[in-house]
């Protein structure tokens, strides 16, 4: 699977602006040039406020986050999300780059075994605050629904969002299969 199809499948909701960000792990064995292809795509997509960042990289995989910068900044800057992230040591003064650097450090600590994976990452992905806290505090207990994330409250709304994400993913993949590129889908007019 090429990088554009990979991003279309795993990151369509963020590409389309339905949510601020998506993350996905790309297996390097599928494409040893993944990092250079991400840089090329960034040169194209950044004009439309779409960014692809490497959150961590190991020998086998690269964990990437595709996001809409303005939308992500607005979401991370809400008082509830800022309070949540500051509980985990994120800087008091908001800066997307500083927050992403801190997140990278938290992910690296989780992979080295000094800490667990930073479940507050749900804030970067636009998950509802009650579901982020629900997962952090309860894991699988009291979970009402599992889809794009584990849902602990407002399952009806989450089901609607999951359907919307699936429809978006299907539409973007279909357009790529018809010969369109991400640039044509998201960077024209």
N, C-alpha and C. Protein backbone atom coordinates (compact mmCIF):
# COMPACT_ATOMS: atom_id res chain seq x y z
N UNK A 1 0.85 -1.17 0.00
CA UNK A 1 0.00 0.00 0.00
C UNK A 1 0.90 1.24 0.00
N UNK A 2 0.72 2.11 -0.98
CA UNK A 2 1.49 3.35 -1.06
C UNK A 2 1.10 4.31 0.05
N UNK A 3 1.93 5.30 0.27
CA UNK A 3 1.70 6.23 1.37
C UNK A 3 0.38 6.99 1.21
N UNK A 4 0.00 7.35 -0.01
CA UNK A 4 -1.25 8.10 -0.16
C UNK A 4 -2.46 7.23 0.18
N UNK A 5 -2.44 5.98 -0.25
CA UNK A 5 -3.56 5.08 0.09
C UNK A 5 -3.58 4.79 1.59
N UNK A 6 -2.40 4.64 2.15
CA UNK A 6 -2.28 4.40 3.60
C UNK A 6 -2.91 5.58 4.37
N UNK A 7 -2.51 6.80 4.00
CA UNK A 7 -3.05 7.98 4.67
C UNK A 7 -4.55 8.13 4.42
N UNK A 8 -4.98 7.81 3.21
CA UNK A 8 -6.42 7.90 2.89
C UNK A 8 -7.21 6.96 3.78
N UNK A 9 -6.70 5.76 4.00
CA UNK A 9 -7.42 4.79 4.80
C UNK A 9 -7.39 5.16 6.29
N UNK A 10 -6.21 5.43 6.81
CA UNK A 10 -6.07 5.61 8.25
C UNK A 10 -6.30 7.05 8.72
N UNK A 11 -6.20 8.00 7.81
CA UNK A 11 -6.26 9.41 8.23
C UNK A 11 -7.31 10.24 7.49
N UNK A 12 -8.22 9.59 6.80
CA UNK A 12 -9.24 10.32 6.02
C UNK A 12 -10.02 11.33 6.85
N UNK A 13 -10.47 11.00 8.07
CA UNK A 13 -11.22 12.00 8.83
C UNK A 13 -10.44 13.28 9.10
N UNK A 14 -9.15 13.16 9.38
CA UNK A 14 -8.33 14.37 9.58
C UNK A 14 -8.08 15.08 8.26
N UNK A 15 -7.82 14.33 7.21
CA UNK A 15 -7.63 14.94 5.89
C UNK A 15 -8.85 15.78 5.51
N UNK A 16 -10.03 15.24 5.79
CA UNK A 16 -11.28 15.92 5.42
C UNK A 16 -11.70 16.99 6.43
N UNK A 17 -11.00 17.08 7.55
CA UNK A 17 -11.33 18.10 8.55
C UNK A 17 -12.46 17.72 9.48
N UNK A 18 -12.82 16.43 9.51
CA UNK A 18 -13.88 15.96 10.42
C UNK A 18 -13.36 15.88 11.85
N UNK A 19 -12.07 15.62 11.99
CA UNK A 19 -11.44 15.60 13.30
C UNK A 19 -10.06 16.23 13.16
N UNK A 20 -9.45 16.65 14.25
CA UNK A 20 -8.19 17.39 14.13
C UNK A 20 -7.00 16.55 13.70
N UNK A 21 -6.97 15.26 14.06
CA UNK A 21 -5.78 14.45 13.76
C UNK A 21 -6.11 12.97 13.77
N UNK A 22 -5.25 12.22 13.11
CA UNK A 22 -5.26 10.76 13.16
C UNK A 22 -3.82 10.31 13.31
N UNK A 23 -3.64 9.16 13.94
CA UNK A 23 -2.30 8.55 13.97
C UNK A 23 -2.38 7.19 13.31
N UNK A 24 -1.23 6.74 12.81
CA UNK A 24 -1.16 5.42 12.20
C UNK A 24 0.30 4.97 12.19
N UNK A 25 0.49 3.67 12.33
CA UNK A 25 1.84 3.09 12.28
C UNK A 25 2.07 2.50 10.90
N UNK A 26 3.12 2.93 10.25
CA UNK A 26 3.45 2.47 8.90
C UNK A 26 4.65 1.53 8.98
N UNK A 27 4.51 0.35 8.42
CA UNK A 27 5.57 -0.64 8.41
C UNK A 27 6.60 -0.27 7.36
N UNK A 28 7.84 -0.04 7.79
CA UNK A 28 8.90 0.41 6.89
C UNK A 28 9.23 -0.61 5.80
N UNK A 29 8.99 -1.88 6.08
CA UNK A 29 9.30 -2.91 5.08
C UNK A 29 8.45 -2.73 3.82
N UNK A 30 7.30 -2.06 3.95
CA UNK A 30 6.43 -1.81 2.80
C UNK A 30 6.98 -0.69 1.92
N UNK A 31 7.77 0.21 2.52
CA UNK A 31 8.30 1.33 1.78
C UNK A 31 9.48 1.92 2.53
N UNK A 32 10.71 1.60 2.11
CA UNK A 32 11.88 2.13 2.83
C UNK A 32 12.07 3.64 2.65
N UNK A 33 11.31 4.26 1.76
CA UNK A 33 11.44 5.70 1.50
C UNK A 33 10.33 6.51 2.16
N UNK A 34 9.69 5.93 3.14
CA UNK A 34 8.53 6.55 3.76
C UNK A 34 8.83 7.96 4.29
N UNK A 35 9.96 8.15 4.93
CA UNK A 35 10.28 9.45 5.53
C UNK A 35 10.42 10.52 4.44
N UNK A 36 11.09 10.21 3.36
CA UNK A 36 11.23 11.19 2.28
C UNK A 36 9.89 11.45 1.59
N UNK A 37 9.04 10.44 1.49
CA UNK A 37 7.71 10.63 0.89
C UNK A 37 6.83 11.50 1.78
N UNK A 38 6.98 11.36 3.09
CA UNK A 38 6.23 12.22 4.01
C UNK A 38 6.66 13.67 3.82
N UNK A 39 7.97 13.90 3.68
CA UNK A 39 8.46 15.26 3.46
C UNK A 39 7.89 15.84 2.17
N UNK A 40 7.87 15.06 1.11
CA UNK A 40 7.31 15.52 -0.17
C UNK A 40 5.83 15.85 -0.03
N UNK A 41 5.08 14.97 0.63
CA UNK A 41 3.65 15.23 0.83
C UNK A 41 3.42 16.47 1.68
N UNK A 42 4.25 16.65 2.69
CA UNK A 42 4.12 17.85 3.53
C UNK A 42 4.29 19.11 2.70
N UNK A 43 5.23 19.11 1.76
CA UNK A 43 5.43 20.28 0.90
C UNK A 43 4.15 20.62 0.13
N UNK A 44 3.39 19.61 -0.20
CA UNK A 44 2.14 19.81 -0.95
C UNK A 44 0.98 20.14 -0.02
N UNK A 45 0.81 19.34 1.04
CA UNK A 45 -0.37 19.45 1.90
C UNK A 45 -0.32 20.62 2.88
N UNK A 46 0.88 21.06 3.26
CA UNK A 46 0.99 22.15 4.23
C UNK A 46 0.29 23.41 3.75
N UNK A 47 0.21 23.61 2.45
CA UNK A 47 -0.48 24.79 1.90
C UNK A 47 -1.95 24.82 2.31
N UNK A 48 -2.53 23.65 2.58
CA UNK A 48 -3.92 23.57 3.00
C UNK A 48 -4.06 23.25 4.48
N UNK A 49 -2.98 23.56 5.25
CA UNK A 49 -3.00 23.40 6.70
C UNK A 49 -3.05 21.94 7.13
N UNK A 50 -2.57 21.03 6.28
CA UNK A 50 -2.50 19.61 6.61
C UNK A 50 -1.02 19.26 6.79
N UNK A 51 -0.71 18.65 7.94
CA UNK A 51 0.67 18.34 8.29
C UNK A 51 0.80 16.87 8.66
N UNK A 52 1.96 16.31 8.36
CA UNK A 52 2.27 14.93 8.74
C UNK A 52 3.54 14.98 9.56
N UNK A 53 3.46 14.47 10.77
CA UNK A 53 4.61 14.47 11.68
C UNK A 53 4.95 13.04 12.07
N UNK A 54 6.22 12.79 12.25
CA UNK A 54 6.68 11.52 12.78
C UNK A 54 6.69 11.65 14.30
N UNK A 55 5.93 10.78 14.97
CA UNK A 55 5.89 10.82 16.43
C UNK A 55 6.99 9.94 17.03
N UNK A 56 7.26 8.82 16.38
CA UNK A 56 8.38 7.98 16.79
C UNK A 56 8.72 7.04 15.64
N UNK A 57 9.92 6.53 15.71
CA UNK A 57 10.40 5.67 14.64
C UNK A 57 11.31 4.60 15.25
N UNK A 58 11.13 3.39 14.80
CA UNK A 58 12.02 2.32 15.19
C UNK A 58 12.47 1.60 13.91
N UNK A 59 13.13 0.49 14.06
CA UNK A 59 13.64 -0.23 12.90
C UNK A 59 12.52 -0.71 11.98
N UNK A 60 11.40 -1.15 12.56
CA UNK A 60 10.31 -1.73 11.77
C UNK A 60 9.23 -0.75 11.35
N UNK A 61 8.94 0.24 12.19
CA UNK A 61 7.78 1.10 11.94
C UNK A 61 8.07 2.57 12.18
N UNK A 62 7.17 3.37 11.63
CA UNK A 62 7.16 4.79 11.93
C UNK A 62 5.72 5.14 12.33
N UNK A 63 5.58 5.80 13.48
CA UNK A 63 4.26 6.23 13.95
C UNK A 63 4.09 7.68 13.50
N UNK A 64 3.07 7.90 12.68
CA UNK A 64 2.86 9.23 12.13
C UNK A 64 1.54 9.81 12.62
N UNK A 65 1.50 11.12 12.65
CA UNK A 65 0.27 11.82 12.97
C UNK A 65 0.01 12.80 11.83
N UNK A 66 -1.17 12.70 11.25
CA UNK A 66 -1.61 13.65 10.24
C UNK A 66 -2.63 14.55 10.92
N UNK A 67 -2.45 15.85 10.77
CA UNK A 67 -3.35 16.78 11.46
C UNK A 67 -3.57 18.04 10.66
N UNK A 68 -4.66 18.70 11.01
CA UNK A 68 -4.97 20.04 10.51
C UNK A 68 -4.54 21.00 11.62
N UNK A 69 -3.52 21.77 11.33
CA UNK A 69 -2.87 22.60 12.37
C UNK A 69 -3.85 23.52 13.10
N UNK A 70 -4.62 24.31 12.38
CA UNK A 70 -5.52 25.28 13.03
C UNK A 70 -6.54 24.55 13.90
N UNK A 71 -7.12 23.50 13.37
CA UNK A 71 -8.15 22.75 14.10
C UNK A 71 -7.54 22.09 15.34
N UNK A 72 -6.35 21.53 15.20
CA UNK A 72 -5.69 20.88 16.34
C UNK A 72 -5.35 21.92 17.41
N UNK A 73 -4.82 23.05 17.01
CA UNK A 73 -4.49 24.11 17.98
C UNK A 73 -5.74 24.57 18.74
N UNK A 74 -6.83 24.77 18.02
CA UNK A 74 -8.07 25.20 18.67
C UNK A 74 -8.54 24.17 19.69
N UNK A 75 -8.49 22.88 19.32
CA UNK A 75 -8.96 21.83 20.23
C UNK A 75 -8.05 21.71 21.45
N UNK A 76 -6.73 21.71 21.22
CA UNK A 76 -5.80 21.57 22.34
C UNK A 76 -5.83 22.77 23.26
N UNK A 77 -6.27 23.90 22.75
CA UNK A 77 -6.30 25.13 23.54
C UNK A 77 -7.58 25.31 24.34
N UNK A 78 -8.50 24.34 24.29
CA UNK A 78 -9.71 24.46 25.11
C UNK A 78 -9.32 24.19 26.57
N UNK A 79 -9.98 24.85 27.52
CA UNK A 79 -9.60 24.71 28.93
C UNK A 79 -9.59 23.26 29.43
N UNK A 80 -10.60 22.47 29.06
CA UNK A 80 -10.64 21.08 29.53
C UNK A 80 -9.43 20.29 29.05
N UNK A 81 -9.08 20.46 27.78
CA UNK A 81 -7.97 19.70 27.21
C UNK A 81 -6.65 20.21 27.77
N UNK A 82 -6.50 21.52 27.88
CA UNK A 82 -5.27 22.09 28.45
C UNK A 82 -5.06 21.57 29.87
N UNK A 83 -6.14 21.55 30.68
CA UNK A 83 -6.03 21.05 32.06
C UNK A 83 -5.61 19.59 32.08
N UNK A 84 -6.21 18.79 31.21
CA UNK A 84 -5.85 17.37 31.14
C UNK A 84 -4.36 17.21 30.81
N UNK A 85 -3.91 17.89 29.77
CA UNK A 85 -2.52 17.73 29.33
C UNK A 85 -1.53 18.25 30.37
N UNK A 86 -1.88 19.32 31.05
CA UNK A 86 -0.98 19.85 32.08
C UNK A 86 -0.83 18.88 33.25
N UNK A 87 -1.86 18.06 33.51
CA UNK A 87 -1.74 17.03 34.55
C UNK A 87 -0.66 16.01 34.21
N UNK A 88 -0.36 15.88 32.91
CA UNK A 88 0.67 14.94 32.46
C UNK A 88 1.99 15.63 32.16
N UNK A 89 2.10 16.89 32.57
CA UNK A 89 3.37 17.59 32.47
C UNK A 89 3.57 18.44 31.22
N UNK A 90 2.54 18.57 30.40
CA UNK A 90 2.68 19.41 29.20
C UNK A 90 2.85 20.86 29.64
N UNK A 91 3.56 21.66 28.84
CA UNK A 91 3.82 23.06 29.21
C UNK A 91 2.53 23.84 29.49
N UNK A 92 2.62 24.76 30.43
CA UNK A 92 1.46 25.61 30.75
C UNK A 92 1.17 26.57 29.60
N UNK A 93 2.19 27.08 28.98
CA UNK A 93 2.03 27.98 27.82
C UNK A 93 1.88 27.12 26.58
N UNK A 94 0.74 27.24 25.89
CA UNK A 94 0.48 26.40 24.73
C UNK A 94 1.38 26.78 23.55
N UNK A 95 1.97 25.75 22.99
CA UNK A 95 2.70 25.84 21.73
C UNK A 95 2.55 24.47 21.09
N UNK A 96 2.01 24.40 19.90
CA UNK A 96 1.80 23.10 19.26
C UNK A 96 3.12 22.34 19.16
N UNK A 97 4.17 23.01 18.74
CA UNK A 97 5.46 22.33 18.59
C UNK A 97 5.96 21.79 19.92
N UNK A 98 5.82 22.57 20.99
CA UNK A 98 6.26 22.10 22.30
C UNK A 98 5.40 20.93 22.78
N UNK A 99 4.10 21.00 22.53
CA UNK A 99 3.21 19.90 22.90
C UNK A 99 3.57 18.63 22.12
N UNK A 100 3.84 18.77 20.83
CA UNK A 100 4.22 17.60 20.03
C UNK A 100 5.56 17.03 20.48
N UNK A 101 6.50 17.89 20.81
CA UNK A 101 7.79 17.42 21.32
C UNK A 101 7.59 16.66 22.63
N UNK A 102 6.75 17.19 23.51
CA UNK A 102 6.49 16.53 24.79
C UNK A 102 5.82 15.19 24.55
N UNK A 103 4.86 15.15 23.64
CA UNK A 103 4.18 13.89 23.30
C UNK A 103 5.19 12.87 22.77
N UNK A 104 6.08 13.31 21.90
CA UNK A 104 7.12 12.39 21.38
C UNK A 104 7.93 11.79 22.53
N UNK A 105 8.29 12.62 23.48
CA UNK A 105 9.04 12.14 24.64
C UNK A 105 8.25 11.13 25.46
N UNK A 106 6.96 11.42 25.62
CA UNK A 106 6.10 10.49 26.38
C UNK A 106 5.97 9.15 25.64
N UNK A 107 5.85 9.21 24.32
CA UNK A 107 5.76 7.97 23.53
C UNK A 107 7.06 7.20 23.64
N UNK A 108 8.19 7.88 23.51
CA UNK A 108 9.49 7.22 23.61
C UNK A 108 9.66 6.55 24.97
N UNK A 109 9.22 7.20 26.04
CA UNK A 109 9.31 6.61 27.38
C UNK A 109 8.45 5.36 27.48
N UNK A 110 7.30 5.39 26.81
CA UNK A 110 6.42 4.21 26.82
C UNK A 110 7.04 3.04 26.09
N UNK A 111 7.76 3.30 25.02
CA UNK A 111 8.38 2.22 24.26
C UNK A 111 9.63 1.69 24.94
N UNK A 112 10.28 2.50 25.76
CA UNK A 112 11.47 2.02 26.46
C UNK A 112 11.10 1.34 27.77
N UNK A 113 9.82 1.40 28.14
CA UNK A 113 9.38 0.70 29.34
C UNK A 113 9.45 1.53 30.60
N UNK A 114 9.90 2.79 30.51
CA UNK A 114 9.96 3.60 31.72
C UNK A 114 8.58 4.15 32.10
N UNK A 115 7.69 4.23 31.15
CA UNK A 115 6.31 4.67 31.40
C UNK A 115 5.40 3.88 30.47
N UNK A 116 4.09 3.97 30.68
CA UNK A 116 3.17 3.33 29.74
C UNK A 116 2.88 4.30 28.59
N UNK A 117 2.24 3.79 27.56
CA UNK A 117 1.90 4.62 26.42
C UNK A 117 1.07 5.81 26.89
N UNK A 118 1.30 6.99 26.35
CA UNK A 118 0.59 8.20 26.81
C UNK A 118 -0.86 8.25 26.30
N UNK A 119 -1.76 7.77 27.11
CA UNK A 119 -3.16 7.68 26.69
C UNK A 119 -3.82 9.05 26.54
N UNK A 120 -3.18 10.09 27.02
CA UNK A 120 -3.70 11.43 26.78
C UNK A 120 -3.59 11.81 25.30
N UNK A 121 -2.99 10.95 24.50
CA UNK A 121 -2.90 11.20 23.06
C UNK A 121 -4.29 11.37 22.45
N UNK A 122 -5.30 10.83 23.12
CA UNK A 122 -6.68 11.02 22.66
C UNK A 122 -7.05 12.49 22.52
N UNK A 123 -6.42 13.35 23.32
CA UNK A 123 -6.68 14.78 23.21
C UNK A 123 -6.19 15.31 21.85
N UNK A 124 -5.07 14.81 21.39
CA UNK A 124 -4.54 15.23 20.09
C UNK A 124 -5.43 14.72 18.95
N UNK A 125 -6.10 13.62 19.20
CA UNK A 125 -6.92 12.99 18.16
C UNK A 125 -8.37 13.47 18.17
N UNK A 126 -8.68 14.39 19.07
CA UNK A 126 -10.02 14.97 19.10
C UNK A 126 -11.07 14.12 19.77
N UNK A 127 -10.64 13.16 20.57
CA UNK A 127 -11.61 12.32 21.27
C UNK A 127 -12.33 13.15 22.34
N UNK A 128 -13.57 12.82 22.64
CA UNK A 128 -14.29 13.55 23.71
C UNK A 128 -13.56 13.39 25.04
N UNK A 129 -13.53 14.47 25.79
CA UNK A 129 -12.79 14.50 27.05
C UNK A 129 -13.25 13.40 28.01
N UNK A 130 -14.56 13.14 28.07
CA UNK A 130 -15.06 12.11 29.00
C UNK A 130 -14.56 10.73 28.60
N UNK A 131 -14.33 10.50 27.32
CA UNK A 131 -13.82 9.19 26.88
C UNK A 131 -12.31 9.07 27.12
N UNK A 132 -11.60 10.18 27.04
CA UNK A 132 -10.17 10.16 27.35
C UNK A 132 -10.00 9.80 28.82
N UNK A 133 -10.72 10.50 29.69
CA UNK A 133 -10.64 10.20 31.13
C UNK A 133 -11.16 8.79 31.41
N UNK A 134 -12.21 8.39 30.72
CA UNK A 134 -12.74 7.04 30.91
C UNK A 134 -11.70 5.97 30.63
N UNK A 135 -10.96 6.13 29.55
CA UNK A 135 -9.95 5.13 29.21
C UNK A 135 -8.78 5.18 30.19
N UNK A 136 -8.33 6.38 30.51
CA UNK A 136 -7.20 6.51 31.44
C UNK A 136 -7.55 5.88 32.79
N UNK A 137 -8.77 6.10 33.26
CA UNK A 137 -9.15 5.64 34.60
C UNK A 137 -9.70 4.22 34.66
N UNK A 138 -10.25 3.71 33.55
CA UNK A 138 -10.97 2.43 33.62
C UNK A 138 -10.52 1.37 32.61
N UNK A 139 -9.75 1.75 31.61
CA UNK A 139 -9.36 0.87 30.49
C UNK A 139 -10.61 0.22 29.89
N UNK A 140 -10.78 -1.07 30.05
CA UNK A 140 -11.91 -1.76 29.42
C UNK A 140 -13.16 -1.80 30.30
N UNK A 141 -13.01 -1.52 31.57
CA UNK A 141 -14.15 -1.56 32.47
C UNK A 141 -15.09 -0.39 32.18
N UNK A 142 -16.36 -0.66 32.18
CA UNK A 142 -17.40 0.35 32.00
C UNK A 142 -17.43 0.96 30.59
N UNK A 143 -16.74 0.34 29.67
CA UNK A 143 -16.74 0.81 28.28
C UNK A 143 -18.09 0.45 27.64
N UNK A 144 -18.74 1.42 27.03
CA UNK A 144 -20.05 1.20 26.41
C UNK A 144 -19.94 0.73 24.96
N UNK A 145 -18.85 1.11 24.31
CA UNK A 145 -18.71 0.88 22.88
C UNK A 145 -17.25 1.00 22.50
N UNK A 146 -16.83 0.17 21.55
CA UNK A 146 -15.49 0.28 21.01
C UNK A 146 -15.59 0.49 19.51
N UNK A 147 -14.89 1.49 19.03
CA UNK A 147 -14.85 1.81 17.61
C UNK A 147 -13.53 2.48 17.32
N UNK A 148 -13.58 3.71 16.88
CA UNK A 148 -12.35 4.49 16.64
C UNK A 148 -11.63 4.72 17.98
N UNK A 149 -12.35 4.73 19.05
CA UNK A 149 -11.82 4.83 20.40
C UNK A 149 -12.79 4.11 21.32
N UNK A 150 -12.43 3.94 22.57
CA UNK A 150 -13.33 3.34 23.56
C UNK A 150 -14.24 4.43 24.11
N UNK A 151 -15.52 4.14 24.13
CA UNK A 151 -16.54 5.13 24.50
C UNK A 151 -17.08 4.80 25.89
N UNK A 152 -17.12 5.82 26.75
CA UNK A 152 -17.58 5.65 28.12
C UNK A 152 -18.84 6.46 28.41
N UNK A 153 -19.19 7.36 27.50
CA UNK A 153 -20.40 8.17 27.65
C UNK A 153 -20.85 8.59 26.26
N UNK A 154 -22.13 8.87 26.10
CA UNK A 154 -22.69 9.36 24.85
C UNK A 154 -22.40 8.40 23.67
N UNK A 155 -22.77 7.16 23.86
CA UNK A 155 -22.54 6.13 22.84
C UNK A 155 -23.27 6.43 21.53
N UNK A 156 -24.45 7.02 21.61
CA UNK A 156 -25.21 7.31 20.39
C UNK A 156 -24.47 8.29 19.49
N UNK A 157 -23.93 9.34 20.07
CA UNK A 157 -23.17 10.31 19.29
C UNK A 157 -21.89 9.67 18.74
N UNK A 158 -21.24 8.86 19.55
CA UNK A 158 -20.01 8.19 19.09
C UNK A 158 -20.31 7.27 17.90
N UNK A 159 -21.42 6.53 17.95
CA UNK A 159 -21.80 5.67 16.82
C UNK A 159 -21.96 6.48 15.54
N UNK A 160 -22.58 7.64 15.66
CA UNK A 160 -22.76 8.51 14.50
C UNK A 160 -21.41 8.98 13.95
N UNK A 161 -20.50 9.33 14.85
CA UNK A 161 -19.17 9.76 14.43
C UNK A 161 -18.42 8.61 13.76
N UNK A 162 -18.51 7.41 14.32
CA UNK A 162 -17.83 6.26 13.73
C UNK A 162 -18.34 6.01 12.32
N UNK A 163 -19.64 6.12 12.13
CA UNK A 163 -20.23 5.95 10.78
C UNK A 163 -19.73 7.04 9.84
N UNK A 164 -19.66 8.24 10.34
CA UNK A 164 -19.16 9.36 9.52
C UNK A 164 -17.71 9.13 9.13
N UNK A 165 -16.89 8.65 10.06
CA UNK A 165 -15.49 8.37 9.76
C UNK A 165 -15.37 7.27 8.71
N UNK A 166 -16.17 6.21 8.85
CA UNK A 166 -16.13 5.10 7.87
C UNK A 166 -16.54 5.58 6.49
N UNK A 167 -17.59 6.39 6.41
CA UNK A 167 -18.04 6.91 5.12
C UNK A 167 -16.97 7.81 4.49
N UNK A 168 -16.34 8.61 5.29
CA UNK A 168 -15.28 9.48 4.81
C UNK A 168 -14.12 8.66 4.27
N UNK A 169 -13.70 7.68 5.06
CA UNK A 169 -12.60 6.80 4.65
C UNK A 169 -12.92 6.12 3.32
N UNK A 170 -14.12 5.60 3.23
CA UNK A 170 -14.54 4.90 2.02
C UNK A 170 -14.51 5.84 0.80
N UNK A 171 -15.01 7.06 0.98
CA UNK A 171 -15.06 8.03 -0.12
C UNK A 171 -13.66 8.45 -0.56
N UNK A 172 -12.77 8.70 0.38
CA UNK A 172 -11.41 9.13 0.02
C UNK A 172 -10.65 7.99 -0.67
N UNK A 173 -10.76 6.79 -0.14
CA UNK A 173 -10.09 5.64 -0.77
C UNK A 173 -10.65 5.41 -2.17
N UNK A 174 -11.95 5.54 -2.32
CA UNK A 174 -12.57 5.36 -3.64
C UNK A 174 -12.00 6.35 -4.65
N UNK A 175 -11.88 7.60 -4.24
CA UNK A 175 -11.36 8.63 -5.14
C UNK A 175 -9.90 8.34 -5.52
N UNK A 176 -9.11 7.86 -4.57
CA UNK A 176 -7.73 7.51 -4.90
C UNK A 176 -7.68 6.32 -5.85
N UNK A 177 -8.57 5.35 -5.62
CA UNK A 177 -8.62 4.18 -6.52
C UNK A 177 -9.05 4.57 -7.93
N UNK A 178 -9.75 5.69 -8.04
CA UNK A 178 -10.16 6.20 -9.35
C UNK A 178 -9.06 7.01 -10.04
N UNK A 179 -7.92 7.15 -9.35
CA UNK A 179 -6.79 7.83 -9.97
C UNK A 179 -6.47 9.21 -9.43
N UNK A 180 -7.25 9.70 -8.49
CA UNK A 180 -6.98 11.02 -7.89
C UNK A 180 -5.80 10.91 -6.91
N UNK A 181 -5.18 12.02 -6.62
CA UNK A 181 -4.13 12.08 -5.60
C UNK A 181 -4.64 12.88 -4.41
N UNK A 182 -3.94 12.80 -3.29
CA UNK A 182 -4.33 13.59 -2.14
C UNK A 182 -4.25 15.08 -2.46
N UNK A 183 -3.29 15.46 -3.25
CA UNK A 183 -3.17 16.85 -3.66
C UNK A 183 -4.42 17.30 -4.42
N UNK A 184 -4.88 16.46 -5.33
CA UNK A 184 -6.08 16.80 -6.10
C UNK A 184 -7.33 16.86 -5.22
N UNK A 185 -7.39 15.97 -4.23
CA UNK A 185 -8.57 15.93 -3.38
C UNK A 185 -8.61 17.05 -2.35
N UNK A 186 -7.44 17.44 -1.83
CA UNK A 186 -7.45 18.36 -0.70
C UNK A 186 -6.73 19.68 -0.93
N UNK A 187 -6.08 19.85 -2.07
CA UNK A 187 -5.29 21.07 -2.27
C UNK A 187 -5.73 21.90 -3.47
N UNK A 188 -6.76 21.50 -4.16
CA UNK A 188 -7.20 22.30 -5.29
C UNK A 188 -8.33 23.23 -4.86
N UNK A 189 -8.34 24.40 -5.48
CA UNK A 189 -9.35 25.43 -5.22
C UNK A 189 -9.75 25.39 -3.82
